[in-house]
Amino acid sequence: MAKSAVRSRFLAQHQAANAGCNLLFSLIRKLFVMTQSWARFQHDGTIRFGLLDGEQIRVYTGDMFADPKATNISMKLADVKLLAPT
């Protein structure tokens, strides 16, 4: 087999392996996002939602299922009343 053919075959295999790795990492990132723990809660009479982060909830606004927006507000889990999802 000529050197150029070997090189071409090597490059094709390398590109295929890279594409497979990129797909795998993309799926892992999506899985991580899907497994984040969202919570619906009440604080001072206001119902909100956010992401659980240890003993904190990072507050979000907007629609939880359609482009939620992060705020700079974080609350202690002990200071809120967790609510059932709706």
PDB file of N, CA and C in Angstrom:
ATOM      1  N   MET A   1       0.859  -1.176   0.000  1.00  0.00           N
ATOM      2  CA  MET A   1       0.000   0.000   0.000  1.00  0.00           C
ATOM      3  C   MET A   1       0.905   1.240   0.000  1.00  0.00           C
ATOM      4  N   ALA A   2       0.584   2.190  -0.819  1.00  0.00           N
ATOM      5  CA  ALA A   2       1.396   3.400  -0.945  1.00  0.00           C
ATOM      6  C   ALA A   2       1.252   4.265   0.299  1.00  0.00           C
ATOM      7  N   LYS A   3       2.278   5.070   0.552  1.00  0.00           N
ATOM      8  CA  LYS A   3       2.263   5.948   1.733  1.00  0.00           C
ATOM      9  C   LYS A   3       1.068   6.885   1.719  1.00  0.00           C
ATOM     10  N   SER A   4       0.707   7.418   0.574  1.00  0.00           N
ATOM     11  CA  SER A   4      -0.413   8.354   0.512  1.00  0.00           C
ATOM     12  C   SER A   4      -1.730   7.658   0.838  1.00  0.00           C
ATOM     13  N   ALA A   5      -1.873   6.401   0.431  1.00  0.00           N
ATOM     14  CA  ALA A   5      -3.090   5.655   0.745  1.00  0.00           C
ATOM     15  C   ALA A   5      -3.169   5.358   2.239  1.00  0.00           C
ATOM     16  N   VAL A   6      -2.045   4.994   2.829  1.00  0.00           N
ATOM     17  CA  VAL A   6      -1.996   4.738   4.276  1.00  0.00           C
ATOM     18  C   VAL A   6      -2.330   6.008   5.036  1.00  0.00           C
ATOM     19  N   ARG A   7      -1.748   7.119   4.597  1.00  0.00           N
ATOM     20  CA  ARG A   7      -2.008   8.403   5.255  1.00  0.00           C
ATOM     21  C   ARG A   7      -3.485   8.786   5.138  1.00  0.00           C
ATOM     22  N   SER A   8      -4.060   8.622   3.978  1.00  0.00           N
ATOM     23  CA  SER A   8      -5.481   8.951   3.759  1.00  0.00           C
ATOM     24  C   SER A   8      -6.381   8.086   4.635  1.00  0.00           C
ATOM     25  N   ARG A   9      -6.048   6.794   4.716  1.00  0.00           N
ATOM     26  CA  ARG A   9      -6.841   5.893   5.558  1.00  0.00           C
ATOM     27  C   ARG A   9      -6.733   6.279   7.033  1.00  0.00           C
ATOM     28  N   PHE A  10      -5.517   6.601   7.467  1.00  0.00           N
ATOM     29  CA  PHE A  10      -5.299   7.028   8.853  1.00  0.00           C
ATOM     30  C   PHE A  10      -6.106   8.292   9.158  1.00  0.00           C
ATOM     31  N   LEU A  11      -6.055   9.272   8.264  1.00  0.00           N
ATOM     32  CA  LEU A  11      -6.794  10.525   8.479  1.00  0.00           C
ATOM     33  C   LEU A  11      -8.296  10.280   8.528  1.00  0.00           C
ATOM     34  N   ALA A  12      -8.801   9.420   7.671  1.00  0.00           N
ATOM     35  CA  ALA A  12     -10.236   9.108   7.666  1.00  0.00           C
ATOM     36  C   ALA A  12     -10.650   8.453   8.981  1.00  0.00           C
ATOM     37  N   GLN A  13      -9.834   7.523   9.476  1.00  0.00           N
ATOM     38  CA  GLN A  13     -10.143   6.864  10.752  1.00  0.00           C
ATOM     39  C   GLN A  13     -10.073   7.870  11.900  1.00  0.00           C
ATOM     40  N   HIS A  14      -9.107   8.744  11.863  1.00  0.00           N
ATOM     41  CA  HIS A  14      -8.941   9.759  12.899  1.00  0.00           C
ATOM     42  C   HIS A  14     -10.138  10.698  12.916  1.00  0.00           C
ATOM     43  N   GLN A  15     -10.586  11.135  11.743  1.00  0.00           N
ATOM     44  CA  GLN A  15     -11.742  12.025  11.665  1.00  0.00           C
ATOM     45  C   GLN A  15     -13.002  11.329  12.158  1.00  0.00           C
ATOM     46  N   ALA A  16     -13.167  10.064  11.842  1.00  0.00           N
ATOM     47  CA  ALA A  16     -14.329   9.302  12.307  1.00  0.00           C
ATOM     48  C   ALA A  16     -14.298   9.162  13.824  1.00  0.00           C
ATOM     49  N   ALA A  17     -13.114   8.911  14.384  1.00  0.00           N
ATOM     50  CA  ALA A  17     -12.993   8.796  15.846  1.00  0.00           C
ATOM     51  C   ALA A  17     -13.322  10.126  16.514  1.00  0.00           C
ATOM     52  N   ASN A  18     -12.844  11.240  15.953  1.00  0.00           N
ATOM     53  CA  ASN A  18     -13.149  12.560  16.501  1.00  0.00           C
ATOM     54  C   ASN A  18     -14.640  12.841  16.461  1.00  0.00           C
ATOM     55  N   ALA A  19     -15.292  12.500  15.360  1.00  0.00           N
ATOM     56  CA  ALA A  19     -16.733  12.716  15.243  1.00  0.00           C
ATOM     57  C   ALA A  19     -17.465  11.908  16.311  1.00  0.00           C
ATOM     58  N   GLY A  20     -17.037  10.668  16.545  1.00  0.00           N
ATOM     59  CA  GLY A  20     -17.651   9.837  17.575  1.00  0.00           C
ATOM     60  C   GLY A  20     -17.470  10.418  18.962  1.00  0.00           C
ATOM     61  N   CYS A  21     -16.277  10.935  19.246  1.00  0.00           N
ATOM     62  CA  CYS A  21     -16.009  11.555  20.553  1.00  0.00           C
ATOM     63  C   CYS A  21     -16.857  12.807  20.733  1.00  0.00           C
ATOM     64  N   ASN A  22     -16.952  13.624  19.697  1.00  0.00           N
ATOM     65  CA  ASN A  22     -17.761  14.840  19.782  1.00  0.00           C
ATOM     66  C   ASN A  22     -19.221  14.509  20.051  1.00  0.00           C
ATOM     67  N   LEU A  23     -19.740  13.479  19.391  1.00  0.00           N
ATOM     68  CA  LEU A  23     -21.118  13.057  19.617  1.00  0.00           C
ATOM     69  C   LEU A  23     -21.304  12.570  21.045  1.00  0.00           C
ATOM     70  N   LEU A  24     -20.368  11.782  21.542  1.00  0.00           N
ATOM     71  CA  LEU A  24     -20.449  11.274  22.908  1.00  0.00           C
ATOM     72  C   LEU A  24     -20.447  12.419  23.924  1.00  0.00           C
ATOM     73  N   PHE A  25     -19.532  13.376  23.771  1.00  0.00           N
ATOM     74  CA  PHE A  25     -19.483  14.504  24.698  1.00  0.00           C
ATOM     75  C   PHE A  25     -20.746  15.346  24.624  1.00  0.00           C
ATOM     76  N   SER A  26     -21.304  15.514  23.447  1.00  0.00           N
ATOM     77  CA  SER A  26     -22.553  16.256  23.289  1.00  0.00           C
ATOM     78  C   SER A  26     -23.690  15.562  24.039  1.00  0.00           C
ATOM     79  N   LEU A  27     -23.768  14.236  23.915  1.00  0.00           N
ATOM     80  CA  LEU A  27     -24.808  13.484  24.628  1.00  0.00           C
ATOM     81  C   LEU A  27     -24.622  13.561  26.136  1.00  0.00           C
ATOM     82  N   ILE A  28     -23.384  13.503  26.604  1.00  0.00           N
ATOM     83  CA  ILE A  28     -23.114  13.601  28.043  1.00  0.00           C
ATOM     84  C   ILE A  28     -23.543  14.964  28.569  1.00  0.00           C
ATOM     85  N   ARG A  29     -23.223  16.039  27.826  1.00  0.00           N
ATOM     86  CA  ARG A  29     -23.639  17.385  28.251  1.00  0.00           C
ATOM     87  C   ARG A  29     -25.154  17.482  28.328  1.00  0.00           C
ATOM     88  N   LYS A  30     -25.866  16.946  27.338  1.00  0.00           N
ATOM     89  CA  LYS A  30     -27.330  16.988  27.349  1.00  0.00           C
ATOM     90  C   LYS A  30     -27.881  16.201  28.523  1.00  0.00           C
ATOM     91  N   LEU A  31     -27.308  15.047  28.807  1.00  0.00           N
ATOM     92  CA  LEU A  31     -27.753  14.229  29.930  1.00  0.00           C
ATOM     93  C   LEU A  31     -27.546  14.978  31.242  1.00  0.00           C
ATOM     94  N   PHE A  32     -26.401  15.664  31.397  1.00  0.00           N
ATOM     95  CA  PHE A  32     -26.136  16.420  32.617  1.00  0.00           C
ATOM     96  C   PHE A  32     -27.173  17.512  32.804  1.00  0.00           C
ATOM     97  N   VAL A  33     -27.483  18.234  31.754  1.00  0.00           N
ATOM     98  CA  VAL A  33     -28.472  19.312  31.850  1.00  0.00           C
ATOM     99  C   VAL A  33     -29.832  18.739  32.209  1.00  0.00           C
ATOM    100  N   MET A  34     -30.189  17.600  31.637  1.00  0.00           N
ATOM    101  CA  MET A  34     -31.491  17.010  31.901  1.00  0.00           C
ATOM    102  C   MET A  34     -31.608  16.487  33.320  1.00  0.00           C
ATOM    103  N   THR A  35     -30.491  16.171  33.966  1.00  0.00           N
ATOM    104  CA  THR A  35     -30.561  15.596  35.301  1.00  0.00           C
ATOM    105  C   THR A  35     -30.395  16.631  36.404  1.00  0.00           C
ATOM    106  N   GLN A  36     -30.347  17.896  36.064  1.00  0.00           N
ATOM    107  CA  GLN A  36     -30.293  18.914  37.093  1.00  0.00           C
ATOM    108  C   GLN A  36     -31.622  18.920  37.843  1.00  0.00           C
ATOM    109  N   SER A  37     -31.593  19.231  39.118  1.00  0.00           N
ATOM    110  CA  SER A  37     -32.793  19.180  39.943  1.00  0.00           C
ATOM    111  C   SER A  37     -33.455  20.547  40.036  1.00  0.00           C
ATOM    112  N   TRP A  38     -34.564  20.684  39.349  1.00  0.00           N
ATOM    113  CA  TRP A  38     -35.354  21.900  39.429  1.00  0.00           C
ATOM    114  C   TRP A  38     -36.292  21.790  40.615  1.00  0.00           C
ATOM    115  N   ALA A  39     -36.588  22.909  41.232  1.00  0.00           N
ATOM    116  CA  ALA A  39     -37.500  22.918  42.372  1.00  0.00           C
ATOM    117  C   ALA A  39     -38.470  24.084  42.239  1.00  0.00           C
ATOM    118  N   ARG A  40     -39.677  23.838  42.636  1.00  0.00           N
ATOM    119  CA  ARG A  40     -40.696  24.886  42.727  1.00  0.00           C
ATOM    120  C   ARG A  40     -40.851  25.162  44.215  1.00  0.00           C
ATOM    121  N   PHE A  41     -40.856  26.437  44.609  1.00  0.00           N
ATOM    122  CA  PHE A  41     -40.874  26.744  46.032  1.00  0.00           C
ATOM    123  C   PHE A  41     -41.592  28.062  46.302  1.00  0.00           C
ATOM    124  N   GLN A  42     -41.878  28.274  47.584  1.00  0.00           N
ATOM    125  CA  GLN A  42     -42.511  29.519  48.027  1.00  0.00           C
ATOM    126  C   GLN A  42     -41.598  30.195  49.027  1.00  0.00           C
ATOM    127  N   HIS A  43     -41.439  31.507  48.869  1.00  0.00           N
ATOM    128  CA  HIS A  43     -40.626  32.291  49.777  1.00  0.00           C
ATOM    129  C   HIS A  43     -41.299  33.640  49.969  1.00  0.00           C
ATOM    130  N   ASP A  44     -41.601  33.983  51.213  1.00  0.00           N
ATOM    131  CA  ASP A  44     -42.293  35.235  51.536  1.00  0.00           C
ATOM    132  C   ASP A  44     -43.562  35.432  50.705  1.00  0.00           C
ATOM    133  N   GLY A  45     -44.325  34.342  50.539  1.00  0.00           N
ATOM    134  CA  GLY A  45     -45.597  34.421  49.823  1.00  0.00           C
ATOM    135  C   GLY A  45     -45.499  34.397  48.308  1.00  0.00           C
ATOM    136  N   THR A  46     -44.298  34.371  47.772  1.00  0.00           N
ATOM    137  CA  THR A  46     -44.112  34.363  46.321  1.00  0.00           C
ATOM    138  C   THR A  46     -43.669  32.980  45.868  1.00  0.00           C
ATOM    139  N   ILE A  47     -44.334  32.461  44.835  1.00  0.00           N
ATOM    140  CA  ILE A  47     -43.960  31.165  44.270  1.00  0.00           C
ATOM    141  C   ILE A  47     -42.922  31.396  43.175  1.00  0.00           C
ATOM    142  N   ARG A  48     -41.838  30.645  43.259  1.00  0.00           N
ATOM    143  CA  ARG A  48     -40.719  30.773  42.324  1.00  0.00           C
ATOM    144  C   ARG A  48     -40.227  29.387  41.951  1.00  0.00           C
ATOM    145  N   PHE A  49     -39.202  29.347  41.104  1.00  0.00           N
ATOM    146  CA  PHE A  49     -38.554  28.084  40.797  1.00  0.00           C
ATOM    147  C   PHE A  49     -37.066  28.324  40.627  1.00  0.00           C
ATOM    148  N   GLY A  50     -36.299  27.251  40.750  1.00  0.00           N
ATOM    149  CA  GLY A  50     -34.856  27.375  40.606  1.00  0.00           C
ATOM    150  C   GLY A  50     -34.182  26.022  40.596  1.00  0.00           C
ATOM    151  N   LEU A  51     -32.866  26.056  40.534  1.00  0.00           N
ATOM    152  CA  LEU A  51     -32.055  24.839  40.531  1.00  0.00           C
ATOM    153  C   LEU A  51     -31.500  24.573  41.913  1.00  0.00           C
ATOM    154  N   LEU A  52     -31.640  23.328  42.360  1.00  0.00           N
ATOM    155  CA  LEU A  52     -31.037  22.940  43.637  1.00  0.00           C
ATOM    156  C   LEU A  52     -29.530  22.865  43.459  1.00  0.00           C
ATOM    157  N   ASP A  53     -28.837  23.438  44.420  1.00  0.00           N
ATOM    158  CA  ASP A  53     -27.377  23.437  44.394  1.00  0.00           C
ATOM    159  C   ASP A  53     -26.907  23.211  45.822  1.00  0.00           C
ATOM    160  N   GLY A  54     -26.864  21.939  46.225  1.00  0.00           N
ATOM    161  CA  GLY A  54     -26.522  21.621  47.610  1.00  0.00           C
ATOM    162  C   GLY A  54     -27.635  22.078  48.538  1.00  0.00           C
ATOM    163  N   GLU A  55     -27.311  22.946  49.454  1.00  0.00           N
ATOM    164  CA  GLU A  55     -28.298  23.481  50.406  1.00  0.00           C
ATOM    165  C   GLU A  55     -28.843  24.837  49.957  1.00  0.00           C
ATOM    166  N   GLN A  56     -28.636  25.168  48.706  1.00  0.00           N
ATOM    167  CA  GLN A  56     -29.085  26.439  48.130  1.00  0.00           C
ATOM    168  C   GLN A  56     -30.008  26.171  46.942  1.00  0.00           C
ATOM    169  N   ILE A  57     -30.813  27.167  46.615  1.00  0.00           N
ATOM    170  CA  ILE A  57     -31.585  27.152  45.377  1.00  0.00           C
ATOM    171  C   ILE A  57     -31.193  28.397  44.603  1.00  0.00           C
ATOM    172  N   ARG A  58     -30.733  28.193  43.377  1.00  0.00           N
ATOM    173  CA  ARG A  58     -30.423  29.319  42.492  1.00  0.00           C
ATOM    174  C   ARG A  58     -31.708  29.684  41.761  1.00  0.00           C
ATOM    175  N   VAL A  59     -32.191  30.890  41.970  1.00  0.00           N
ATOM    176  CA  VAL A  59     -33.490  31.318  41.477  1.00  0.00           C
ATOM    177  C   VAL A  59     -33.428  31.657  39.986  1.00  0.00           C
ATOM    178  N   TYR A  60     -34.465  31.219  39.265  1.00  0.00           N
ATOM    179  CA  TYR A  60     -34.636  31.508  37.839  1.00  0.00           C
ATOM    180  C   TYR A  60     -35.962  32.222  37.635  1.00  0.00           C
ATOM    181  N   THR A  61     -36.097  32.904  36.507  1.00  0.00           N
ATOM    182  CA  THR A  61     -37.360  33.552  36.149  1.00  0.00           C
ATOM    183  C   THR A  61     -37.794  33.050  34.778  1.00  0.00           C
ATOM    184  N   GLY A  62     -38.995  33.437  34.394  1.00  0.00           N
ATOM    185  CA  GLY A  62     -39.514  33.056  33.087  1.00  0.00           C
ATOM    186  C   GLY A  62     -40.237  31.730  33.156  1.00  0.00           C
ATOM    187  N   ASP A  63     -40.182  31.003  32.073  1.00  0.00           N
ATOM    188  CA  ASP A  63     -40.831  29.704  31.955  1.00  0.00           C
ATOM    189  C   ASP A  63     -39.778  28.609  32.136  1.00  0.00           C
ATOM    190  N   MET A  64     -40.008  27.740  33.115  1.00  0.00           N
ATOM    191  CA  MET A  64     -39.032  26.694  33.424  1.00  0.00           C
ATOM    192  C   MET A  64     -38.755  25.797  32.212  1.00  0.00           C
ATOM    193  N   PHE A  65     -39.751  25.597  31.361  1.00  0.00           N
ATOM    194  CA  PHE A  65     -39.623  24.659  30.248  1.00  0.00           C
ATOM    195  C   PHE A  65     -39.287  25.323  28.917  1.00  0.00           C
ATOM    196  N   ALA A  66     -39.273  26.647  28.907  1.00  0.00           N
ATOM    197  CA  ALA A  66     -38.973  27.350  27.657  1.00  0.00           C
ATOM    198  C   ALA A  66     -38.055  28.524  27.953  1.00  0.00           C
ATOM    199  N   ASP A  67     -36.764  28.266  27.970  1.00  0.00           N
ATOM    200  CA  ASP A  67     -35.748  29.304  28.137  1.00  0.00           C
ATOM    201  C   ASP A  67     -35.793  30.015  29.496  1.00  0.00           C
ATOM    202  N   PRO A  68     -35.608  29.266  30.602  1.00  0.00           N
ATOM    203  CA  PRO A  68     -35.540  29.919  31.909  1.00  0.00           C
ATOM    204  C   PRO A  68     -34.323  30.834  31.998  1.00  0.00           C
ATOM    205  N   LYS A  69     -34.465  31.929  32.731  1.00  0.00           N
ATOM    206  CA  LYS A  69     -33.384  32.908  32.859  1.00  0.00           C
ATOM    207  C   LYS A  69     -32.834  32.889  34.282  1.00  0.00           C
ATOM    208  N   ALA A  70     -31.521  32.719  34.403  1.00  0.00           N
ATOM    209  CA  ALA A  70     -30.865  32.725  35.712  1.00  0.00           C
ATOM    210  C   ALA A  70     -30.876  34.140  36.279  1.00  0.00           C
ATOM    211  N   THR A  71     -31.048  34.237  37.579  1.00  0.00           N
ATOM    212  CA  THR A  71     -30.914  35.520  38.276  1.00  0.00           C
ATOM    213  C   THR A  71     -29.652  35.443  39.123  1.00  0.00           C
ATOM    214  N   ASN A  72     -29.340  36.506  39.795  1.00  0.00           N
ATOM    215  CA  ASN A  72     -28.192  36.479  40.710  1.00  0.00           C
ATOM    216  C   ASN A  72     -28.646  36.179  42.137  1.00  0.00           C
ATOM    217  N   ILE A  73     -29.870  35.681  42.276  1.00  0.00           N
ATOM    218  CA  ILE A  73     -30.440  35.395  43.597  1.00  0.00           C
ATOM    219  C   ILE A  73     -30.249  33.922  43.941  1.00  0.00           C
ATOM    220  N   SER A  74     -29.816  33.689  45.162  1.00  0.00           N
ATOM    221  CA  SER A  74     -29.660  32.343  45.690  1.00  0.00           C
ATOM    222  C   SER A  74     -30.275  32.332  47.080  1.00  0.00           C
ATOM    223  N   MET A  75     -31.032  31.289  47.401  1.00  0.00           N
ATOM    224  CA  MET A  75     -31.703  31.202  48.701  1.00  0.00           C
ATOM    225  C   MET A  75     -31.330  29.909  49.392  1.00  0.00           C
ATOM    226  N   LYS A  76     -31.306  29.957  50.708  1.00  0.00           N
ATOM    227  CA  LYS A  76     -31.056  28.755  51.489  1.00  0.00           C
ATOM    228  C   LYS A  76     -32.272  27.847  51.401  1.00  0.00           C
ATOM    229  N   LEU A  77     -32.033  26.588  51.210  1.00  0.00           N
ATOM    230  CA  LEU A  77     -33.105  25.606  51.129  1.00  0.00           C
ATOM    231  C   LEU A  77     -33.953  25.613  52.395  1.00  0.00           C
ATOM    232  N   ALA A  78     -33.342  25.830  53.536  1.00  0.00           N
ATOM    233  CA  ALA A  78     -34.059  25.846  54.819  1.00  0.00           C
ATOM    234  C   ALA A  78     -35.013  27.031  54.940  1.00  0.00           C
ATOM    235  N   ASP A  79     -34.813  28.081  54.117  1.00  0.00           N
ATOM    236  CA  ASP A  79     -35.640  29.296  54.209  1.00  0.00           C
ATOM    237  C   ASP A  79     -36.837  29.287  53.276  1.00  0.00           C
ATOM    238  N   VAL A  80     -37.029  28.215  52.508  1.00  0.00           N
ATOM    239  CA  VAL A  80     -38.148  28.163  51.560  1.00  0.00           C
ATOM    240  C   VAL A  80     -39.034  26.968  51.845  1.00  0.00           C
ATOM    241  N   LYS A  81     -40.243  27.019  51.316  1.00  0.00           N
ATOM    242  CA  LYS A  81     -41.150  25.883  51.407  1.00  0.00           C
ATOM    243  C   LYS A  81     -41.219  25.251  50.016  1.00  0.00           C
ATOM    244  N   LEU A  82     -40.764  23.994  49.916  1.00  0.00           N
ATOM    245  CA  LEU A  82     -40.793  23.310  48.634  1.00  0.00           C
ATOM    246  C   LEU A  82     -42.250  22.961  48.279  1.00  0.00           C
ATOM    247  N   LEU A  83     -42.574  23.130  46.995  1.00  0.00           N
ATOM    248  CA  LEU A  83     -43.922  22.862  46.515  1.00  0.00           C
ATOM    249  C   LEU A  83     -43.897  21.723  45.497  1.00  0.00           C
ATOM    250  N   ALA A  84     -45.051  21.082  45.334  1.00  0.00           N
ATOM    251  CA  ALA A  84     -45.170  20.028  44.323  1.00  0.00           C
ATOM    252  C   ALA A  84     -45.133  20.650  42.930  1.00  0.00           C
ATOM    253  N   PRO A  85     -44.623  19.926  41.962  1.00  0.00           N
ATOM    254  CA  PRO A  85     -44.635  20.451  40.591  1.00  0.00           C
ATOM    255  C   PRO A  85     -46.063  20.581  40.090  1.00  0.00           C
ATOM    256  N   THR A  86     -46.270  21.490  39.155  1.00  0.00           N
ATOM    257  CA  THR A  86     -47.608  21.645  38.575  1.00  0.00           C
ATOM    258  C   THR A  86     -47.574  21.432  37.086  1.00  0.00           C
TER     259      THR A  86
END
